[in-house]
Amino acid sequence: MNLKEPHVTIISIYHNRENYVVESIESLLNQKYANFTVYVIDDNSSDNTLNRLKELEVDHTHLKIIHNEKNKGFTNSLVDTISTIDSTDYIAIHGSGDISLPDRIVTQVNFLKENTDVGVVAVGVTNRPANNISKSVRELKLNDFLNRNLINHGTVMFRHDIYEKVGGYRRYFRTRQDKDLWFRMCLETRLFFLPDKLYTWVKQESSVSSNSFKNPEPFFLSEFAKFLILQRKSLGYDFLDVNERYATLSFDPRNCLGQLYNVLILNLAKRQWSNSVEITNVILVIKSSSITRFPFLLLRKVLMKIQK
């Protein structure tokens, strides 16, 4: 491979993933593309993750290990890492513990090289049908993402200059930071999905994606991201750009009720009583009418008795 080919920065962030880290990182180091650097961030793990990463670093010049002295979280780690990188053409994300098949990076690089008006490209997943949205190459539009987030964050590669142009990941989004970014990129460039299944998702019980049904925050942030992109499309900016501290004051949380009802039903079906109480409390905060609040007050009373 000619090292004059575009340079790719691959970023993967780990927190307490000692049992997954070696195979996952080796899948990146074994890519068929040559001109890349892997930045692996240990987000202040309390297990043996950092030591295993350092053992890998010894034999691989492509690999750079960053250790956070305190836990920053996924979004902050992404923002801080990318802010230190100047001379790279493309950025690829790789989920902690997941596997990138050997042809993944070269396939995405070739697509971006051949399609200079495309800024983002995702690939298929070997074991997650929901992320295989088409059997052929498909362009993704803003309206597609307004319905749901169609692509797995770990499968994505994007142009560094486009990332900077739209403002990058925003620290406000502790989760759903990818959805917020894709929305803004849709207004500046073209996004494509390739049906090649070049990525394997590894389910981990403590991950955000595995536990989103337990926590109402991702649903609020997803709806807030939709709210912001519609503002941006109409005004040319959004309120998070203007004043992050007060941006949510203009957002009506009742927009989230439909999703909260669904996640409440899911938790009830799984007999997750403490999660159900938490979500019920959130619904009660949003609802103002005593008539519509009554069934949820009754439900909370029943759930609290069950917990005892």
Protein backbone atom coordinates (compact mmCIF):
# COMPACT_ATOMS: atom_id res chain seq x y z
CA MET A 1 0.00 0.00 0.00
CA ASN A 2 1.32 3.40 -0.96
CA LEU A 3 1.71 5.53 2.18
CA LYS A 4 0.66 8.54 0.09
CA GLU A 5 -2.83 7.12 0.34
CA PRO A 6 -5.17 9.12 2.63
CA HIS A 7 -4.32 8.84 6.29
CA VAL A 8 -6.98 7.32 8.54
CA THR A 9 -7.27 7.89 12.27
CA ILE A 10 -9.17 5.10 14.02
CA ILE A 11 -10.53 5.88 17.49
CA SER A 12 -11.70 3.35 20.07
CA ILE A 13 -12.55 4.09 23.71
CA TYR A 14 -12.45 1.57 26.54
CA HIS A 15 -13.59 1.52 30.14
CA ASN A 16 -13.21 -1.75 32.04
CA ARG A 17 -13.06 -4.01 28.99
CA GLU A 18 -10.09 -6.22 29.89
CA ASN A 19 -11.72 -9.36 28.48
CA TYR A 20 -12.46 -7.79 25.10
CA VAL A 21 -9.64 -5.40 24.36
CA VAL A 22 -6.96 -7.64 22.80
CA GLU A 23 -9.05 -9.28 20.08
CA SER A 24 -10.84 -6.01 19.33
CA ILE A 25 -7.66 -3.95 18.86
CA GLU A 26 -5.91 -6.72 16.95
CA SER A 27 -8.75 -6.61 14.43
CA LEU A 28 -7.74 -2.99 13.73
CA LEU A 29 -4.03 -3.69 13.57
CA ASN A 30 -4.70 -6.46 11.03
CA GLN A 31 -6.45 -4.19 8.53
CA LYS A 32 -5.40 -4.56 4.88
CA TYR A 33 -4.94 -0.79 4.65
CA ALA A 34 -1.51 0.54 5.67
CA ASN A 35 -1.68 4.29 6.24
CA PHE A 36 -3.53 4.52 9.53
CA THR A 37 -3.07 5.24 13.23
CA VAL A 38 -5.17 3.69 15.97
CA TYR A 39 -5.84 5.87 19.00
CA VAL A 40 -7.10 3.79 21.90
CA ILE A 41 -8.32 5.66 24.95
CA ASP A 42 -8.44 3.99 28.33
CA ASP A 43 -11.08 6.00 30.16
CA ASN A 44 -9.63 5.49 33.65
CA SER A 45 -10.41 1.78 33.87
CA SER A 46 -10.25 0.11 37.27
CA ASP A 47 -9.49 -3.34 35.84
CA ASN A 48 -6.57 -4.60 33.73
CA THR A 49 -7.61 -2.85 30.50
CA LEU A 50 -4.74 -0.35 30.46
CA ASN A 51 -2.06 -2.97 31.07
CA ARG A 52 -3.34 -5.11 28.22
CA LEU A 53 -3.35 -2.10 25.94
CA LYS A 54 0.24 -1.23 26.85
CA GLU A 55 1.31 -4.79 26.05
CA LEU A 56 -0.15 -4.39 22.55
CA GLU A 57 1.47 -0.99 22.05
CA VAL A 58 5.00 -2.37 22.42
CA ASP A 59 4.94 -4.21 19.09
CA HIS A 60 2.80 -1.87 17.00
CA THR A 61 3.89 1.55 15.78
CA HIS A 62 0.37 2.13 14.40
CA LEU A 63 -1.03 2.07 17.93
CA LYS A 64 -1.16 5.00 20.36
CA ILE A 65 -2.54 4.55 23.88
CA ILE A 66 -4.06 7.47 25.76
CA HIS A 67 -4.88 7.11 29.45
CA ASN A 68 -7.45 9.44 30.99
CA GLU A 69 -6.41 10.28 34.56
CA LYS A 70 -10.10 10.60 35.39
CA ASN A 71 -13.16 9.15 33.74
CA LYS A 72 -14.29 11.57 31.02
CA GLY A 73 -17.02 9.54 29.38
CA PHE A 74 -17.36 8.56 25.74
CA THR A 75 -18.21 11.93 24.16
CA ASN A 76 -15.59 13.96 26.01
CA SER A 77 -12.94 11.36 25.18
CA LEU A 78 -13.87 11.55 21.49
CA VAL A 79 -13.83 15.35 21.41
CA ASP A 80 -10.54 15.64 23.27
CA THR A 81 -8.80 13.02 21.14
CA ILE A 82 -9.91 14.43 17.79
CA SER A 83 -8.93 17.94 18.90
CA THR A 84 -5.29 16.80 19.16
CA ILE A 85 -5.18 15.34 15.64
CA ASP A 86 -4.20 17.69 12.83
CA SER A 87 -2.82 15.76 9.89
CA THR A 88 -5.39 13.11 9.06
CA ASP A 89 -7.82 12.80 6.18
CA TYR A 90 -10.44 10.41 7.52
CA ILE A 91 -11.63 9.40 10.99
CA ALA A 92 -13.07 5.97 11.71
CA ILE A 93 -14.85 4.97 14.92
CA HIS A 94 -14.55 1.48 16.39
CA GLY A 95 -16.74 0.35 19.29
CA SER A 96 -15.01 -1.04 22.36
CA GLY A 97 -14.82 -4.82 22.14
CA ASP A 98 -16.18 -4.95 18.59
CA ILE A 99 -14.40 -6.48 15.59
CA SER A 100 -13.54 -4.72 12.33
CA LEU A 101 -12.99 -7.25 9.56
CA PRO A 102 -9.71 -6.90 7.58
CA ASP A 103 -11.29 -5.20 4.53
CA ARG A 104 -13.28 -2.63 6.50
CA ILE A 105 -10.92 0.37 6.37
CA VAL A 106 -9.72 -0.10 2.78
CA THR A 107 -13.32 -0.48 1.57
CA GLN A 108 -14.40 2.77 3.20
CA VAL A 109 -11.29 4.66 2.08
CA ASN A 110 -11.81 3.59 -1.52
CA PHE A 111 -15.43 4.68 -1.45
CA LEU A 112 -14.54 8.13 -0.10
CA LYS A 113 -11.71 8.51 -2.62
CA GLU A 114 -14.01 7.63 -5.51
CA ASN A 115 -16.86 9.84 -4.26
CA THR A 116 -15.43 13.19 -3.28
CA ASP A 117 -18.87 14.64 -2.50
CA VAL A 118 -19.49 11.99 0.17
CA GLY A 119 -18.48 12.84 3.72
CA VAL A 120 -19.64 9.84 5.73
CA VAL A 121 -19.71 6.12 4.95
CA ALA A 122 -20.91 3.21 7.11
CA VAL A 123 -20.74 -0.54 6.53
CA GLY A 124 -22.92 -3.51 7.39
CA VAL A 125 -22.76 -5.63 10.54
CA THR A 126 -22.35 -9.40 10.48
CA ASN A 127 -24.60 -10.10 13.45
CA ARG A 128 -27.03 -7.20 13.86
CA PRO A 129 -29.76 -7.19 11.19
CA ALA A 130 -31.16 -3.83 12.34
CA ASN A 131 -27.95 -2.17 11.11
CA ASN A 132 -28.10 -3.82 7.67
CA ILE A 133 -30.56 -1.39 6.20
CA SER A 134 -30.06 -2.20 2.52
CA LYS A 135 -28.76 -4.97 0.28
CA SER A 136 -27.22 -2.38 -2.03
CA VAL A 137 -25.36 0.92 -1.67
CA ARG A 138 -27.82 3.44 -0.23
CA GLU A 139 -27.65 7.16 0.33
CA LEU A 140 -29.01 8.30 3.69
CA LYS A 141 -30.91 11.57 3.93
CA LEU A 142 -31.89 13.70 6.91
CA ASN A 143 -35.46 12.38 6.84
CA ASP A 144 -34.11 8.84 7.15
CA PHE A 145 -32.31 9.74 10.37
CA LEU A 146 -35.32 11.61 11.74
CA ASN A 147 -37.16 8.29 11.76
CA ARG A 148 -34.36 6.41 13.52
CA ASN A 149 -30.58 6.23 13.74
CA LEU A 150 -29.89 3.87 10.85
CA ILE A 151 -26.19 3.19 11.30
CA ASN A 152 -24.04 1.61 13.98
CA HIS A 153 -21.66 4.27 15.32
CA GLY A 154 -18.71 1.87 15.29
CA THR A 155 -19.05 1.21 11.56
CA VAL A 156 -18.56 4.81 10.43
CA MET A 157 -15.76 6.65 8.67
CA PHE A 158 -15.98 10.38 7.93
CA ARG A 159 -13.87 13.15 6.47
CA HIS A 160 -11.96 15.14 9.06
CA ASP A 161 -12.61 18.47 7.34
CA ILE A 162 -16.38 17.88 7.28
CA TYR A 163 -16.31 16.95 10.96
CA GLU A 164 -14.61 20.26 11.77
CA LYS A 165 -16.92 22.22 9.49
CA VAL A 166 -20.09 21.09 11.30
CA GLY A 167 -18.60 21.56 14.78
CA GLY A 168 -17.82 17.94 15.61
CA TYR A 169 -19.26 15.93 18.45
CA ARG A 170 -20.92 18.13 21.07
CA ARG A 171 -20.11 17.53 24.73
CA TYR A 172 -23.72 18.13 25.75
CA PHE A 173 -24.67 14.75 24.27
CA ARG A 174 -23.37 12.17 26.74
CA THR A 175 -25.25 9.65 24.61
CA ARG A 176 -26.73 9.98 21.11
CA GLN A 177 -23.73 12.11 20.18
CA ASP A 178 -23.55 10.25 16.90
CA LYS A 179 -27.14 11.04 15.95
CA ASP A 180 -26.56 14.73 16.63
CA LEU A 181 -23.46 14.65 14.42
CA TRP A 182 -25.13 12.78 11.53
CA PHE A 183 -27.99 15.29 11.56
CA ARG A 184 -25.61 18.22 11.12
CA MET A 185 -23.51 16.39 8.54
CA CYS A 186 -26.64 15.73 6.48
CA LEU A 187 -26.89 19.47 5.88
CA GLU A 188 -23.29 19.75 4.63
CA THR A 189 -22.42 16.52 2.82
CA ARG A 190 -23.73 13.15 1.59
CA LEU A 191 -23.93 10.04 3.78
CA PHE A 192 -23.87 6.48 2.42
CA PHE A 193 -24.36 2.95 3.68
CA LEU A 194 -22.41 0.09 2.10
CA PRO A 195 -23.99 -3.37 2.42
CA ASP A 196 -20.61 -5.09 2.89
CA LYS A 197 -20.75 -6.78 6.32
CA LEU A 198 -17.34 -5.77 7.59
CA TYR A 199 -18.04 -5.24 11.28
CA THR A 200 -19.06 -7.52 14.15
CA TRP A 201 -20.88 -6.08 17.13
CA VAL A 202 -20.03 -7.61 20.51
CA LYS A 203 -22.83 -7.23 23.04
CA GLN A 204 -21.65 -6.16 26.49
CA GLU A 205 -24.04 -5.96 29.41
CA SER A 206 -22.63 -2.69 30.76
CA SER A 207 -22.65 -0.81 27.45
CA VAL A 208 -24.90 2.17 26.75
CA SER A 209 -26.59 0.42 23.81
CA SER A 210 -27.33 -2.70 25.87
CA ASN A 211 -28.83 -0.70 28.72
CA SER A 212 -30.60 2.16 26.96
CA PHE A 213 -34.00 0.68 27.81
CA LYS A 214 -33.18 1.11 31.52
CA ASN A 215 -32.33 4.79 31.30
CA PRO A 216 -34.64 7.53 29.97
CA GLU A 217 -31.78 9.95 29.20
CA PRO A 218 -30.99 8.57 25.69
CA PHE A 219 -34.61 9.05 24.66
CA PHE A 220 -34.58 12.70 25.74
CA LEU A 221 -31.30 13.36 23.98
CA SER A 222 -32.53 11.65 20.81
CA GLU A 223 -35.62 13.87 20.69
CA PHE A 224 -33.57 16.93 21.63
CA ALA A 225 -31.21 16.23 18.72
CA LYS A 226 -34.23 16.14 16.37
CA PHE A 227 -35.47 19.42 17.83
CA LEU A 228 -32.07 21.06 17.27
CA ILE A 229 -31.63 19.93 13.68
CA LEU A 230 -35.06 21.23 12.71
CA GLN A 231 -34.06 24.57 14.28
CA ARG A 232 -30.80 24.53 12.36
CA LYS A 233 -32.54 23.71 9.11
CA SER A 234 -34.94 26.61 9.62
CA LEU A 235 -32.66 29.25 11.19
CA GLY A 236 -29.18 28.25 10.07
CA TYR A 237 -28.16 27.62 13.69
CA ASP A 238 -29.56 25.93 16.79
CA PHE A 239 -29.94 27.06 20.40
CA LEU A 240 -27.13 24.78 21.59
CA ASP A 241 -24.79 26.86 19.43
CA VAL A 242 -26.02 30.05 21.06
CA ASN A 243 -26.19 29.08 24.73
CA GLU A 244 -25.60 25.48 25.79
CA ARG A 245 -26.66 26.14 29.37
CA TYR A 246 -30.18 27.28 28.51
CA ALA A 247 -30.79 25.48 25.21
CA THR A 248 -33.16 22.91 26.71
CA LEU A 249 -35.52 25.61 27.97
CA SER A 250 -36.99 25.86 24.48
CA PHE A 251 -37.52 22.09 24.23
CA ASP A 252 -40.88 20.52 25.13
CA PRO A 253 -40.19 17.20 26.94
CA ARG A 254 -43.69 15.98 26.07
CA ASN A 255 -42.18 15.08 22.69
CA CYS A 256 -40.49 12.18 24.50
CA LEU A 257 -43.59 10.68 26.07
CA GLY A 258 -44.25 8.17 23.30
CA GLN A 259 -40.78 6.67 23.63
CA LEU A 260 -40.96 6.75 27.43
CA TYR A 261 -44.22 4.78 27.36
CA ASN A 262 -42.55 2.15 25.20
CA VAL A 263 -39.51 1.85 27.43
CA LEU A 264 -41.74 1.66 30.51
CA ILE A 265 -43.71 -1.22 28.98
CA LEU A 266 -40.45 -2.98 28.12
CA ASN A 267 -39.16 -2.66 31.68
CA LEU A 268 -42.45 -3.86 33.13
CA ALA A 269 -42.37 -6.88 30.84
CA LYS A 270 -38.82 -7.66 32.02
CA ARG A 271 -39.86 -7.16 35.69
CA GLN A 272 -37.31 -4.40 36.06
CA TRP A 273 -39.18 -2.74 38.90
CA SER A 274 -36.62 -0.12 39.97
CA ASN A 275 -36.14 1.02 36.36
CA SER A 276 -39.91 1.16 35.96
CA VAL A 277 -40.23 3.40 39.01
CA GLU A 278 -37.54 5.75 37.68
CA ILE A 279 -39.21 6.05 34.27
CA THR A 280 -42.63 6.50 35.86
CA ASN A 281 -41.22 9.36 37.95
CA VAL A 282 -39.90 11.02 34.79
CA ILE A 283 -43.31 10.70 33.13
CA LEU A 284 -44.96 12.26 36.19
CA VAL A 285 -42.59 15.22 36.03
CA ILE A 286 -43.54 15.83 32.40
CA LYS A 287 -47.28 15.42 32.81
CA SER A 288 -49.08 18.42 34.30
CA SER A 289 -52.72 17.34 34.21
CA SER A 290 -53.96 15.58 37.34
CA ILE A 291 -56.22 13.39 35.20
CA THR A 292 -53.38 12.08 33.02
CA ARG A 293 -51.06 11.76 36.04
CA PHE A 294 -53.43 9.57 38.06
CA PRO A 295 -52.75 6.16 36.39
CA PHE A 296 -49.00 6.71 36.70
CA LEU A 297 -49.30 7.70 40.37
CA LEU A 298 -51.20 4.48 40.92
CA LEU A 299 -48.62 2.49 38.96
CA ARG A 300 -45.77 3.96 41.00
CA LYS A 301 -47.55 3.03 44.22
CA VAL A 302 -47.95 -0.56 43.05
CA LEU A 303 -44.34 -0.79 41.89
CA MET A 304 -42.99 0.51 45.17
CA LYS A 305 -45.03 -2.12 47.05
CA ILE A 306 -43.58 -4.83 44.76
CA GLN A 307 -40.06 -3.64 45.50
CA LYS A 308 -40.63 -4.00 49.22
